[in-house]
Amino acid sequence: MALQNEKLAAAATARNLEGKLADTEDCLLQKVREVASARDVQTGLRIELDSLKTMIENEEDRFVTELWTTVAIIVSVNHVVRLGTGQ
């Protein structure tokens, strides 16, 4: 009778451990999915940041070009005015 009780207890312990293992596997799978999702978001953000960086660099280039064009016009007009006034 004692051996039978030990077998029943061992079987119950095994079922309990199998249930805990299944729960742990489910939890691990959920965490893997969360990590994959976070990585996808991170990749999307990295792409968006690179795109914004390129846009800012292009705007900076355009601004500098416009600035130098304006400076060149001012210098040219100033030169023409000086020529006209004899300075």
PDB file of N, CA and C in Angstrom:
ATOM      1  N   MET A   1       0.823  -1.180   0.000  1.00  0.00           N
ATOM      2  CA  MET A   1       0.000   0.000   0.000  1.00  0.00           C
ATOM      3  C   MET A   1       0.880   1.262   0.000  1.00  0.00           C
ATOM      4  N   ALA A   2       1.964   1.273   0.745  1.00  0.00           N
ATOM      5  CA  ALA A   2       2.863   2.416   0.810  1.00  0.00           C
ATOM      6  C   ALA A   2       3.511   2.673  -0.550  1.00  0.00           C
ATOM      7  N   LEU A   3       3.851   1.582  -1.248  1.00  0.00           N
ATOM      8  CA  LEU A   3       4.449   1.721  -2.575  1.00  0.00           C
ATOM      9  C   LEU A   3       3.453   2.339  -3.546  1.00  0.00           C
ATOM     10  N   GLN A   4       2.204   1.925  -3.439  1.00  0.00           N
ATOM     11  CA  GLN A   4       1.145   2.473  -4.282  1.00  0.00           C
ATOM     12  C   GLN A   4       0.974   3.971  -4.009  1.00  0.00           C
ATOM     13  N   ASN A   5       1.011   4.356  -2.760  1.00  0.00           N
ATOM     14  CA  ASN A   5       0.893   5.773  -2.399  1.00  0.00           C
ATOM     15  C   ASN A   5       2.076   6.576  -2.935  1.00  0.00           C
ATOM     16  N   GLU A   6       3.257   5.987  -2.884  1.00  0.00           N
ATOM     17  CA  GLU A   6       4.448   6.664  -3.424  1.00  0.00           C
ATOM     18  C   GLU A   6       4.335   6.856  -4.924  1.00  0.00           C
ATOM     19  N   LYS A   7       3.824   5.800  -5.607  1.00  0.00           N
ATOM     20  CA  LYS A   7       3.635   5.902  -7.059  1.00  0.00           C
ATOM     21  C   LYS A   7       2.627   6.994  -7.393  1.00  0.00           C
ATOM     22  N   LEU A   8       1.540   7.054  -6.656  1.00  0.00           N
ATOM     23  CA  LEU A   8       0.515   8.086  -6.882  1.00  0.00           C
ATOM     24  C   LEU A   8       1.084   9.482  -6.614  1.00  0.00           C
ATOM     25  N   ALA A   9       1.841   9.598  -5.534  1.00  0.00           N
ATOM     26  CA  ALA A   9       2.445  10.898  -5.203  1.00  0.00           C
ATOM     27  C   ALA A   9       3.455  11.300  -6.272  1.00  0.00           C
ATOM     28  N   ALA A  10       4.245  10.338  -6.732  1.00  0.00           N
ATOM     29  CA  ALA A  10       5.237  10.625  -7.775  1.00  0.00           C
ATOM     30  C   ALA A  10       4.550  11.020  -9.075  1.00  0.00           C
ATOM     31  N   ALA A  11       3.467  10.332  -9.402  1.00  0.00           N
ATOM     32  CA  ALA A  11       2.714  10.664 -10.620  1.00  0.00           C
ATOM     33  C   ALA A  11       2.119  12.069 -10.502  1.00  0.00           C
ATOM     34  N   ALA A  12       1.579  12.401  -9.334  1.00  0.00           N
ATOM     35  CA  ALA A  12       1.017  13.741  -9.116  1.00  0.00           C
ATOM     36  C   ALA A  12       2.111  14.803  -9.219  1.00  0.00           C
ATOM     37  N   THR A  13       3.268  14.514  -8.652  1.00  0.00           N
ATOM     38  CA  THR A  13       4.402  15.452  -8.733  1.00  0.00           C
ATOM     39  C   THR A  13       4.838  15.624 -10.183  1.00  0.00           C
ATOM     40  N   ALA A  14       4.880  14.524 -10.930  1.00  0.00           N
ATOM     41  CA  ALA A  14       5.281  14.594 -12.339  1.00  0.00           C
ATOM     42  C   ALA A  14       4.287  15.442 -13.133  1.00  0.00           C
ATOM     43  N   ARG A  15       2.979  15.240 -12.897  1.00  0.00           N
ATOM     44  CA  ARG A  15       1.958  16.043 -13.598  1.00  0.00           C
ATOM     45  C   ARG A  15       2.092  17.521 -13.223  1.00  0.00           C
ATOM     46  N   ASN A  16       2.331  17.779 -11.957  1.00  0.00           N
ATOM     47  CA  ASN A  16       2.504  19.157 -11.491  1.00  0.00           C
ATOM     48  C   ASN A  16       3.708  19.809 -12.180  1.00  0.00           C
ATOM     49  N   LEU A  17       4.813  19.064 -12.237  1.00  0.00           N
ATOM     50  CA  LEU A  17       6.017  19.595 -12.886  1.00  0.00           C
ATOM     51  C   LEU A  17       5.810  19.787 -14.386  1.00  0.00           C
ATOM     52  N   GLU A  18       5.075  18.865 -15.025  1.00  0.00           N
ATOM     53  CA  GLU A  18       4.776  19.014 -16.452  1.00  0.00           C
ATOM     54  C   GLU A  18       3.930  20.259 -16.695  1.00  0.00           C
ATOM     55  N   GLY A  19       2.978  20.509 -15.800  1.00  0.00           N
ATOM     56  CA  GLY A  19       2.155  21.720 -15.914  1.00  0.00           C
ATOM     57  C   GLY A  19       2.993  22.979 -15.755  1.00  0.00           C
ATOM     58  N   LYS A  20       3.886  22.967 -14.778  1.00  0.00           N
ATOM     59  CA  LYS A  20       4.769  24.122 -14.579  1.00  0.00           C
ATOM     60  C   LYS A  20       5.688  24.319 -15.776  1.00  0.00           C
ATOM     61  N   LEU A  21       6.179  23.214 -16.343  1.00  0.00           N
ATOM     62  CA  LEU A  21       7.025  23.303 -17.532  1.00  0.00           C
ATOM     63  C   LEU A  21       6.252  23.905 -18.700  1.00  0.00           C
ATOM     64  N   ALA A  22       5.021  23.450 -18.891  1.00  0.00           N
ATOM     65  CA  ALA A  22       4.191  23.998 -19.968  1.00  0.00           C
ATOM     66  C   ALA A  22       3.944  25.489 -19.749  1.00  0.00           C
ATOM     67  N   ASP A  23       3.659  25.886 -18.511  1.00  0.00           N
ATOM     68  CA  ASP A  23       3.455  27.309 -18.204  1.00  0.00           C
ATOM     69  C   ASP A  23       4.721  28.112 -18.490  1.00  0.00           C
ATOM     70  N   THR A  24       5.864  27.554 -18.115  1.00  0.00           N
ATOM     71  CA  THR A  24       7.147  28.229 -18.339  1.00  0.00           C
ATOM     72  C   THR A  24       7.431  28.359 -19.832  1.00  0.00           C
ATOM     73  N   GLU A  25       7.130  27.301 -20.592  1.00  0.00           N
ATOM     74  CA  GLU A  25       7.327  27.361 -22.042  1.00  0.00           C
ATOM     75  C   GLU A  25       6.431  28.423 -22.663  1.00  0.00           C
ATOM     76  N   ASP A  26       5.164  28.496 -22.216  1.00  0.00           N
ATOM     77  CA  ASP A  26       4.238  29.524 -22.710  1.00  0.00           C
ATOM     78  C   ASP A  26       4.755  30.921 -22.397  1.00  0.00           C
ATOM     79  N   CYS A  27       5.238  31.092 -21.177  1.00  0.00           N
ATOM     80  CA  CYS A  27       5.778  32.389 -20.761  1.00  0.00           C
ATOM     81  C   CYS A  27       6.998  32.759 -21.595  1.00  0.00           C
ATOM     82  N   LEU A  28       7.872  31.785 -21.814  1.00  0.00           N
ATOM     83  CA  LEU A  28       9.072  32.028 -22.615  1.00  0.00           C
ATOM     84  C   LEU A  28       8.699  32.404 -24.050  1.00  0.00           C
ATOM     85  N   LEU A  29       7.742  31.694 -24.631  1.00  0.00           N
ATOM     86  CA  LEU A  29       7.292  31.995 -25.986  1.00  0.00           C
ATOM     87  C   LEU A  29       6.719  33.405 -26.060  1.00  0.00           C
ATOM     88  N   GLN A  30       5.950  33.786 -25.049  1.00  0.00           N
ATOM     89  CA  GLN A  30       5.396  35.148 -25.008  1.00  0.00           C
ATOM     90  C   GLN A  30       6.513  36.188 -24.948  1.00  0.00           C
ATOM     91  N   LYS A  31       7.523  35.930 -24.128  1.00  0.00           N
ATOM     92  CA  LYS A  31       8.654  36.864 -24.014  1.00  0.00           C
ATOM     93  C   LYS A  31       9.422  36.952 -25.326  1.00  0.00           C
ATOM     94  N   VAL A  32       9.586  35.828 -26.010  1.00  0.00           N
ATOM     95  CA  VAL A  32      10.269  35.841 -27.314  1.00  0.00           C
ATOM     96  C   VAL A  32       9.483  36.693 -28.300  1.00  0.00           C
ATOM     97  N   ARG A  33       8.162  36.559 -28.277  1.00  0.00           N
ATOM     98  CA  ARG A  33       7.321  37.386 -29.163  1.00  0.00           C
ATOM     99  C   ARG A  33       7.446  38.869 -28.815  1.00  0.00           C
ATOM    100  N   GLU A  34       7.470  39.180 -27.522  1.00  0.00           N
ATOM    101  CA  GLU A  34       7.617  40.572 -27.098  1.00  0.00           C
ATOM    102  C   GLU A  34       8.955  41.151 -27.550  1.00  0.00           C
ATOM    103  N   VAL A  35      10.016  40.355 -27.433  1.00  0.00           N
ATOM    104  CA  VAL A  35      11.340  40.814 -27.861  1.00  0.00           C
ATOM    105  C   VAL A  35      11.346  41.039 -29.374  1.00  0.00           C
ATOM    106  N   ALA A  36      10.741  40.123 -30.117  1.00  0.00           N
ATOM    107  CA  ALA A  36      10.683  40.271 -31.575  1.00  0.00           C
ATOM    108  C   ALA A  36       9.896  41.525 -31.954  1.00  0.00           C
ATOM    109  N   SER A  37       8.803  41.761 -31.257  1.00  0.00           N
ATOM    110  CA  SER A  37       7.998  42.955 -31.518  1.00  0.00           C
ATOM    111  C   SER A  37       8.783  44.225 -31.202  1.00  0.00           C
ATOM    112  N   ALA A  38       9.473  44.222 -30.076  1.00  0.00           N
ATOM    113  CA  ALA A  38      10.287  45.388 -29.700  1.00  0.00           C
ATOM    114  C   ALA A  38      11.400  45.614 -30.719  1.00  0.00           C
ATOM    115  N   ARG A  39      11.990  44.536 -31.205  1.00  0.00           N
ATOM    116  CA  ARG A  39      13.053  44.658 -32.208  1.00  0.00           C
ATOM    117  C   ARG A  39      12.492  45.243 -33.507  1.00  0.00           C
ATOM    118  N   ASP A  40      11.276  44.825 -33.874  1.00  0.00           N
ATOM    119  CA  ASP A  40      10.645  45.377 -35.073  1.00  0.00           C
ATOM    120  C   ASP A  40      10.393  46.874 -34.913  1.00  0.00           C
ATOM    121  N   VAL A  41       9.921  47.263 -33.731  1.00  0.00           N
ATOM    122  CA  VAL A  41       9.688  48.686 -33.466  1.00  0.00           C
ATOM    123  C   VAL A  41      11.006  49.444 -33.515  1.00  0.00           C
ATOM    124  N   GLN A  42      12.039  48.876 -32.905  1.00  0.00           N
ATOM    125  CA  GLN A  42      13.352  49.523 -32.891  1.00  0.00           C
ATOM    126  C   GLN A  42      13.882  49.700 -34.313  1.00  0.00           C
ATOM    127  N   THR A  43      13.713  48.672 -35.135  1.00  0.00           N
ATOM    128  CA  THR A  43      14.169  48.753 -36.523  1.00  0.00           C
ATOM    129  C   THR A  43      13.407  49.847 -37.260  1.00  0.00           C
ATOM    130  N   GLY A  44      12.090  49.900 -37.047  1.00  0.00           N
ATOM    131  CA  GLY A  44      11.289  50.945 -37.685  1.00  0.00           C
ATOM    132  C   GLY A  44      11.711  52.337 -37.236  1.00  0.00           C
ATOM    133  N   LEU A  45      11.977  52.487 -35.952  1.00  0.00           N
ATOM    134  CA  LEU A  45      12.418  53.784 -35.437  1.00  0.00           C
ATOM    135  C   LEU A  45      13.783  54.166 -35.995  1.00  0.00           C
ATOM    136  N   ARG A  46      14.672  53.176 -36.102  1.00  0.00           N
ATOM    137  CA  ARG A  46      15.999  53.449 -36.651  1.00  0.00           C
ATOM    138  C   ARG A  46      15.889  53.923 -38.104  1.00  0.00           C
ATOM    139  N   ILE A  47      15.026  53.285 -38.882  1.00  0.00           N
ATOM    140  CA  ILE A  47      14.813  53.689 -40.274  1.00  0.00           C
ATOM    141  C   ILE A  47      14.248  55.100 -40.326  1.00  0.00           C
ATOM    142  N   GLU A  48      13.270  55.380 -39.461  1.00  0.00           N
ATOM    143  CA  GLU A  48      12.669  56.711 -39.435  1.00  0.00           C
ATOM    144  C   GLU A  48      13.692  57.771 -39.021  1.00  0.00           C
ATOM    145  N   LEU A  49      14.512  57.477 -38.021  1.00  0.00           N
ATOM    146  CA  LEU A  49      15.541  58.427 -37.591  1.00  0.00           C
ATOM    147  C   LEU A  49      16.559  58.680 -38.702  1.00  0.00           C
ATOM    148  N   ASP A  50      16.958  57.635 -39.405  1.00  0.00           N
ATOM    149  CA  ASP A  50      17.894  57.809 -40.520  1.00  0.00           C
ATOM    150  C   ASP A  50      17.276  58.680 -41.605  1.00  0.00           C
ATOM    151  N   SER A  51      16.001  58.477 -41.861  1.00  0.00           N
ATOM    152  CA  SER A  51      15.297  59.281 -42.849  1.00  0.00           C
ATOM    153  C   SER A  51      15.240  60.752 -42.418  1.00  0.00           C
ATOM    154  N   LEU A  52      14.913  60.980 -41.144  1.00  0.00           N
ATOM    155  CA  LEU A  52      14.869  62.356 -40.634  1.00  0.00           C
ATOM    156  C   LEU A  52      16.250  63.005 -40.671  1.00  0.00           C
ATOM    157  N   LYS A  53      17.278  62.238 -40.363  1.00  0.00           N
ATOM    158  CA  LYS A  53      18.647  62.753 -40.411  1.00  0.00           C
ATOM    159  C   LYS A  53      18.986  63.193 -41.827  1.00  0.00           C
ATOM    160  N   THR A  54      18.620  62.377 -42.808  1.00  0.00           N
ATOM    161  CA  THR A  54      18.877  62.728 -44.207  1.00  0.00           C
ATOM    162  C   THR A  54      18.119  63.984 -44.596  1.00  0.00           C
ATOM    163  N   MET A  55      16.858  64.079 -44.153  1.00  0.00           N
ATOM    164  CA  MET A  55      16.070  65.279 -44.468  1.00  0.00           C
ATOM    165  C   MET A  55      16.697  66.524 -43.853  1.00  0.00           C
ATOM    166  N   ILE A  56      17.146  66.428 -42.624  1.00  0.00           N
ATOM    167  CA  ILE A  56      17.781  67.570 -41.954  1.00  0.00           C
ATOM    168  C   ILE A  56      19.068  67.961 -42.670  1.00  0.00           C
ATOM    169  N   GLU A  57      19.860  66.967 -43.038  1.00  0.00           N
ATOM    170  CA  GLU A  57      21.105  67.260 -43.765  1.00  0.00           C
ATOM    171  C   GLU A  57      20.807  67.940 -45.092  1.00  0.00           C
ATOM    172  N   ASN A  58      19.782  67.492 -45.800  1.00  0.00           N
ATOM    173  CA  ASN A  58      19.408  68.109 -47.079  1.00  0.00           C
ATOM    174  C   ASN A  58      18.935  69.544 -46.868  1.00  0.00           C
ATOM    175  N   GLU A  59      18.145  69.766 -45.817  1.00  0.00           N
ATOM    176  CA  GLU A  59      17.689  71.122 -45.511  1.00  0.00           C
ATOM    177  C   GLU A  59      18.866  72.022 -45.135  1.00  0.00           C
ATOM    178  N   GLU A  60      19.809  71.473 -44.390  1.00  0.00           N
ATOM    179  CA  GLU A  60      20.992  72.239 -44.017  1.00  0.00           C
ATOM    180  C   GLU A  60      21.787  72.627 -45.272  1.00  0.00           C
ATOM    181  N   ASP A  61      21.965  71.684 -46.174  1.00  0.00           N
ATOM    182  CA  ASP A  61      22.665  71.978 -47.431  1.00  0.00           C
ATOM    183  C   ASP A  61      21.941  73.056 -48.223  1.00  0.00           C
ATOM    184  N   ARG A  62      20.607  72.941 -48.303  1.00  0.00           N
ATOM    185  CA  ARG A  62      19.813  73.932 -49.041  1.00  0.00           C
ATOM    186  C   ARG A  62      19.937  75.303 -48.384  1.00  0.00           C
ATOM    187  N   PHE A  63      19.865  75.328 -47.055  1.00  0.00           N
ATOM    188  CA  PHE A  63      19.977  76.591 -46.324  1.00  0.00           C
ATOM    189  C   PHE A  63      21.333  77.244 -46.559  1.00  0.00           C
ATOM    190  N   VAL A  64      22.404  76.456 -46.483  1.00  0.00           N
ATOM    191  CA  VAL A  64      23.752  76.999 -46.682  1.00  0.00           C
ATOM    192  C   VAL A  64      23.901  77.528 -48.110  1.00  0.00           C
ATOM    193  N   THR A  65      23.362  76.787 -49.069  1.00  0.00           N
ATOM    194  CA  THR A  65      23.428  77.238 -50.465  1.00  0.00           C
ATOM    195  C   THR A  65      22.688  78.558 -50.638  1.00  0.00           C
ATOM    196  N   GLU A  66      21.478  78.645 -50.071  1.00  0.00           N
ATOM    197  CA  GLU A  66      20.713  79.898 -50.157  1.00  0.00           C
ATOM    198  C   GLU A  66      21.436  81.040 -49.455  1.00  0.00           C
ATOM    199  N   LEU A  67      22.049  80.733 -48.317  1.00  0.00           N
ATOM    200  CA  LEU A  67      22.774  81.760 -47.576  1.00  0.00           C
ATOM    201  C   LEU A  67      23.934  82.298 -48.404  1.00  0.00           C
ATOM    202  N   TRP A  68      24.726  81.396 -48.980  1.00  0.00           N
ATOM    203  CA  TRP A  68      25.866  81.847 -49.787  1.00  0.00           C
ATOM    204  C   TRP A  68      25.407  82.581 -51.046  1.00  0.00           C
ATOM    205  N   THR A  69      24.290  82.169 -51.620  1.00  0.00           N
ATOM    206  CA  THR A  69      23.739  82.874 -52.782  1.00  0.00           C
ATOM    207  C   THR A  69      23.336  84.290 -52.379  1.00  0.00           C
ATOM    208  N   THR A  70      22.696  84.423 -51.222  1.00  0.00           N
ATOM    209  CA  THR A  70      22.286  85.739 -50.733  1.00  0.00           C
ATOM    210  C   THR A  70      23.501  86.607 -50.439  1.00  0.00           C
ATOM    211  N   VAL A  71      24.515  86.032 -49.835  1.00  0.00           N
ATOM    212  CA  VAL A  71      25.743  86.779 -49.549  1.00  0.00           C
ATOM    213  C   VAL A  71      26.377  87.244 -50.858  1.00  0.00           C
ATOM    214  N   ALA A  72      26.416  86.356 -51.839  1.00  0.00           N
ATOM    215  CA  ALA A  72      27.011  86.719 -53.131  1.00  0.00           C
ATOM    216  C   ALA A  72      26.229  87.853 -53.784  1.00  0.00           C
ATOM    217  N   ILE A  73      24.905  87.822 -53.696  1.00  0.00           N
ATOM    218  CA  ILE A  73      24.083  88.896 -54.275  1.00  0.00           C
ATOM    219  C   ILE A  73      24.345  90.208 -53.556  1.00  0.00           C
ATOM    220  N   ILE A  74      24.403  90.158 -52.233  1.00  0.00           N
ATOM    221  CA  ILE A  74      24.651  91.376 -51.460  1.00  0.00           C
ATOM    222  C   ILE A  74      26.020  91.958 -51.809  1.00  0.00           C
ATOM    223  N   VAL A  75      27.027  91.107 -51.899  1.00  0.00           N
ATOM    224  CA  VAL A  75      28.368  91.576 -52.250  1.00  0.00           C
ATOM    225  C   VAL A  75      28.361  92.183 -53.643  1.00  0.00           C
ATOM    226  N   SER A  76      27.660  91.540 -54.578  1.00  0.00           N
ATOM    227  CA  SER A  76      27.604  92.060 -55.953  1.00  0.00           C
ATOM    228  C   SER A  76      26.895  93.403 -56.005  1.00  0.00           C
ATOM    229  N   VAL A  77      25.759  93.502 -55.303  1.00  0.00           N
ATOM    230  CA  VAL A  77      25.016  94.769 -55.287  1.00  0.00           C
ATOM    231  C   VAL A  77      25.862  95.846 -54.623  1.00  0.00           C
ATOM    232  N   ASN A  78      26.517  95.523 -53.551  1.00  0.00           N
ATOM    233  CA  ASN A  78      27.372  96.471 -52.848  1.00  0.00           C
ATOM    234  C   ASN A  78      28.498  96.943 -53.778  1.00  0.00           C
ATOM    235  N   HIS A  79      29.061  96.017 -54.527  1.00  0.00           N
ATOM    236  CA  HIS A  79      30.136  96.359 -55.461  1.00  0.00           C
ATOM    237  C   HIS A  79      29.618  97.301 -56.548  1.00  0.00           C
ATOM    238  N   VAL A  80      28.420  97.006 -57.074  1.00  0.00           N
ATOM    239  CA  VAL A  80      27.839  97.851 -58.115  1.00  0.00           C
ATOM    240  C   VAL A  80      27.534  99.236 -57.561  1.00  0.00           C
ATOM    241  N   VAL A  81      27.014  99.286 -56.333  1.00  0.00           N
ATOM    242  CA  VAL A  81      26.709 100.590 -55.717  1.00  0.00           C
ATOM    243  C   VAL A  81      27.986 101.385 -55.535  1.00  0.00           C
ATOM    244  N   ARG A  82      29.044 100.724 -55.085  1.00  0.00           N
ATOM    245  CA  ARG A  82      30.321 101.420 -54.883  1.00  0.00           C
ATOM    246  C   ARG A  82      30.870 101.935 -56.215  1.00  0.00           C
ATOM    247  N   LEU A  83      30.725 101.117 -57.260  1.00  0.00           N
ATOM    248  CA  LEU A  83      31.185 101.567 -58.574  1.00  0.00           C
ATOM    249  C   LEU A  83      30.393 102.780 -59.031  1.00  0.00           C
ATOM    250  N   GLY A  84      29.104 102.754 -58.749  1.00  0.00           N
ATOM    251  CA  GLY A  84      28.222 103.857 -59.179  1.00  0.00           C
ATOM    252  C   GLY A  84      28.478 105.118 -58.394  1.00  0.00           C
ATOM    253  N   THR A  85      28.921 105.010 -57.155  1.00  0.00           N
ATOM    254  CA  THR A  85      29.160 106.208 -56.350  1.00  0.00           C
ATOM    255  C   THR A  85      30.630 106.635 -56.407  1.00  0.00           C
ATOM    256  N   GLY A  86      31.423 105.856 -57.058  1.00  0.00           N
ATOM    257  CA  GLY A  86      32.824 106.197 -57.182  1.00  0.00           C
ATOM    258  C   GLY A  86      33.661 105.872 -55.965  1.00  0.00           C
ATOM    259  N   GLN A  87      33.229 105.006 -55.110  1.00  0.00           N
ATOM    260  CA  GLN A  87      33.986 104.655 -53.902  1.00  0.00           C
ATOM    261  C   GLN A  87      34.925 103.554 -54.139  1.00  0.00           C
TER     262      GLN A  87
END
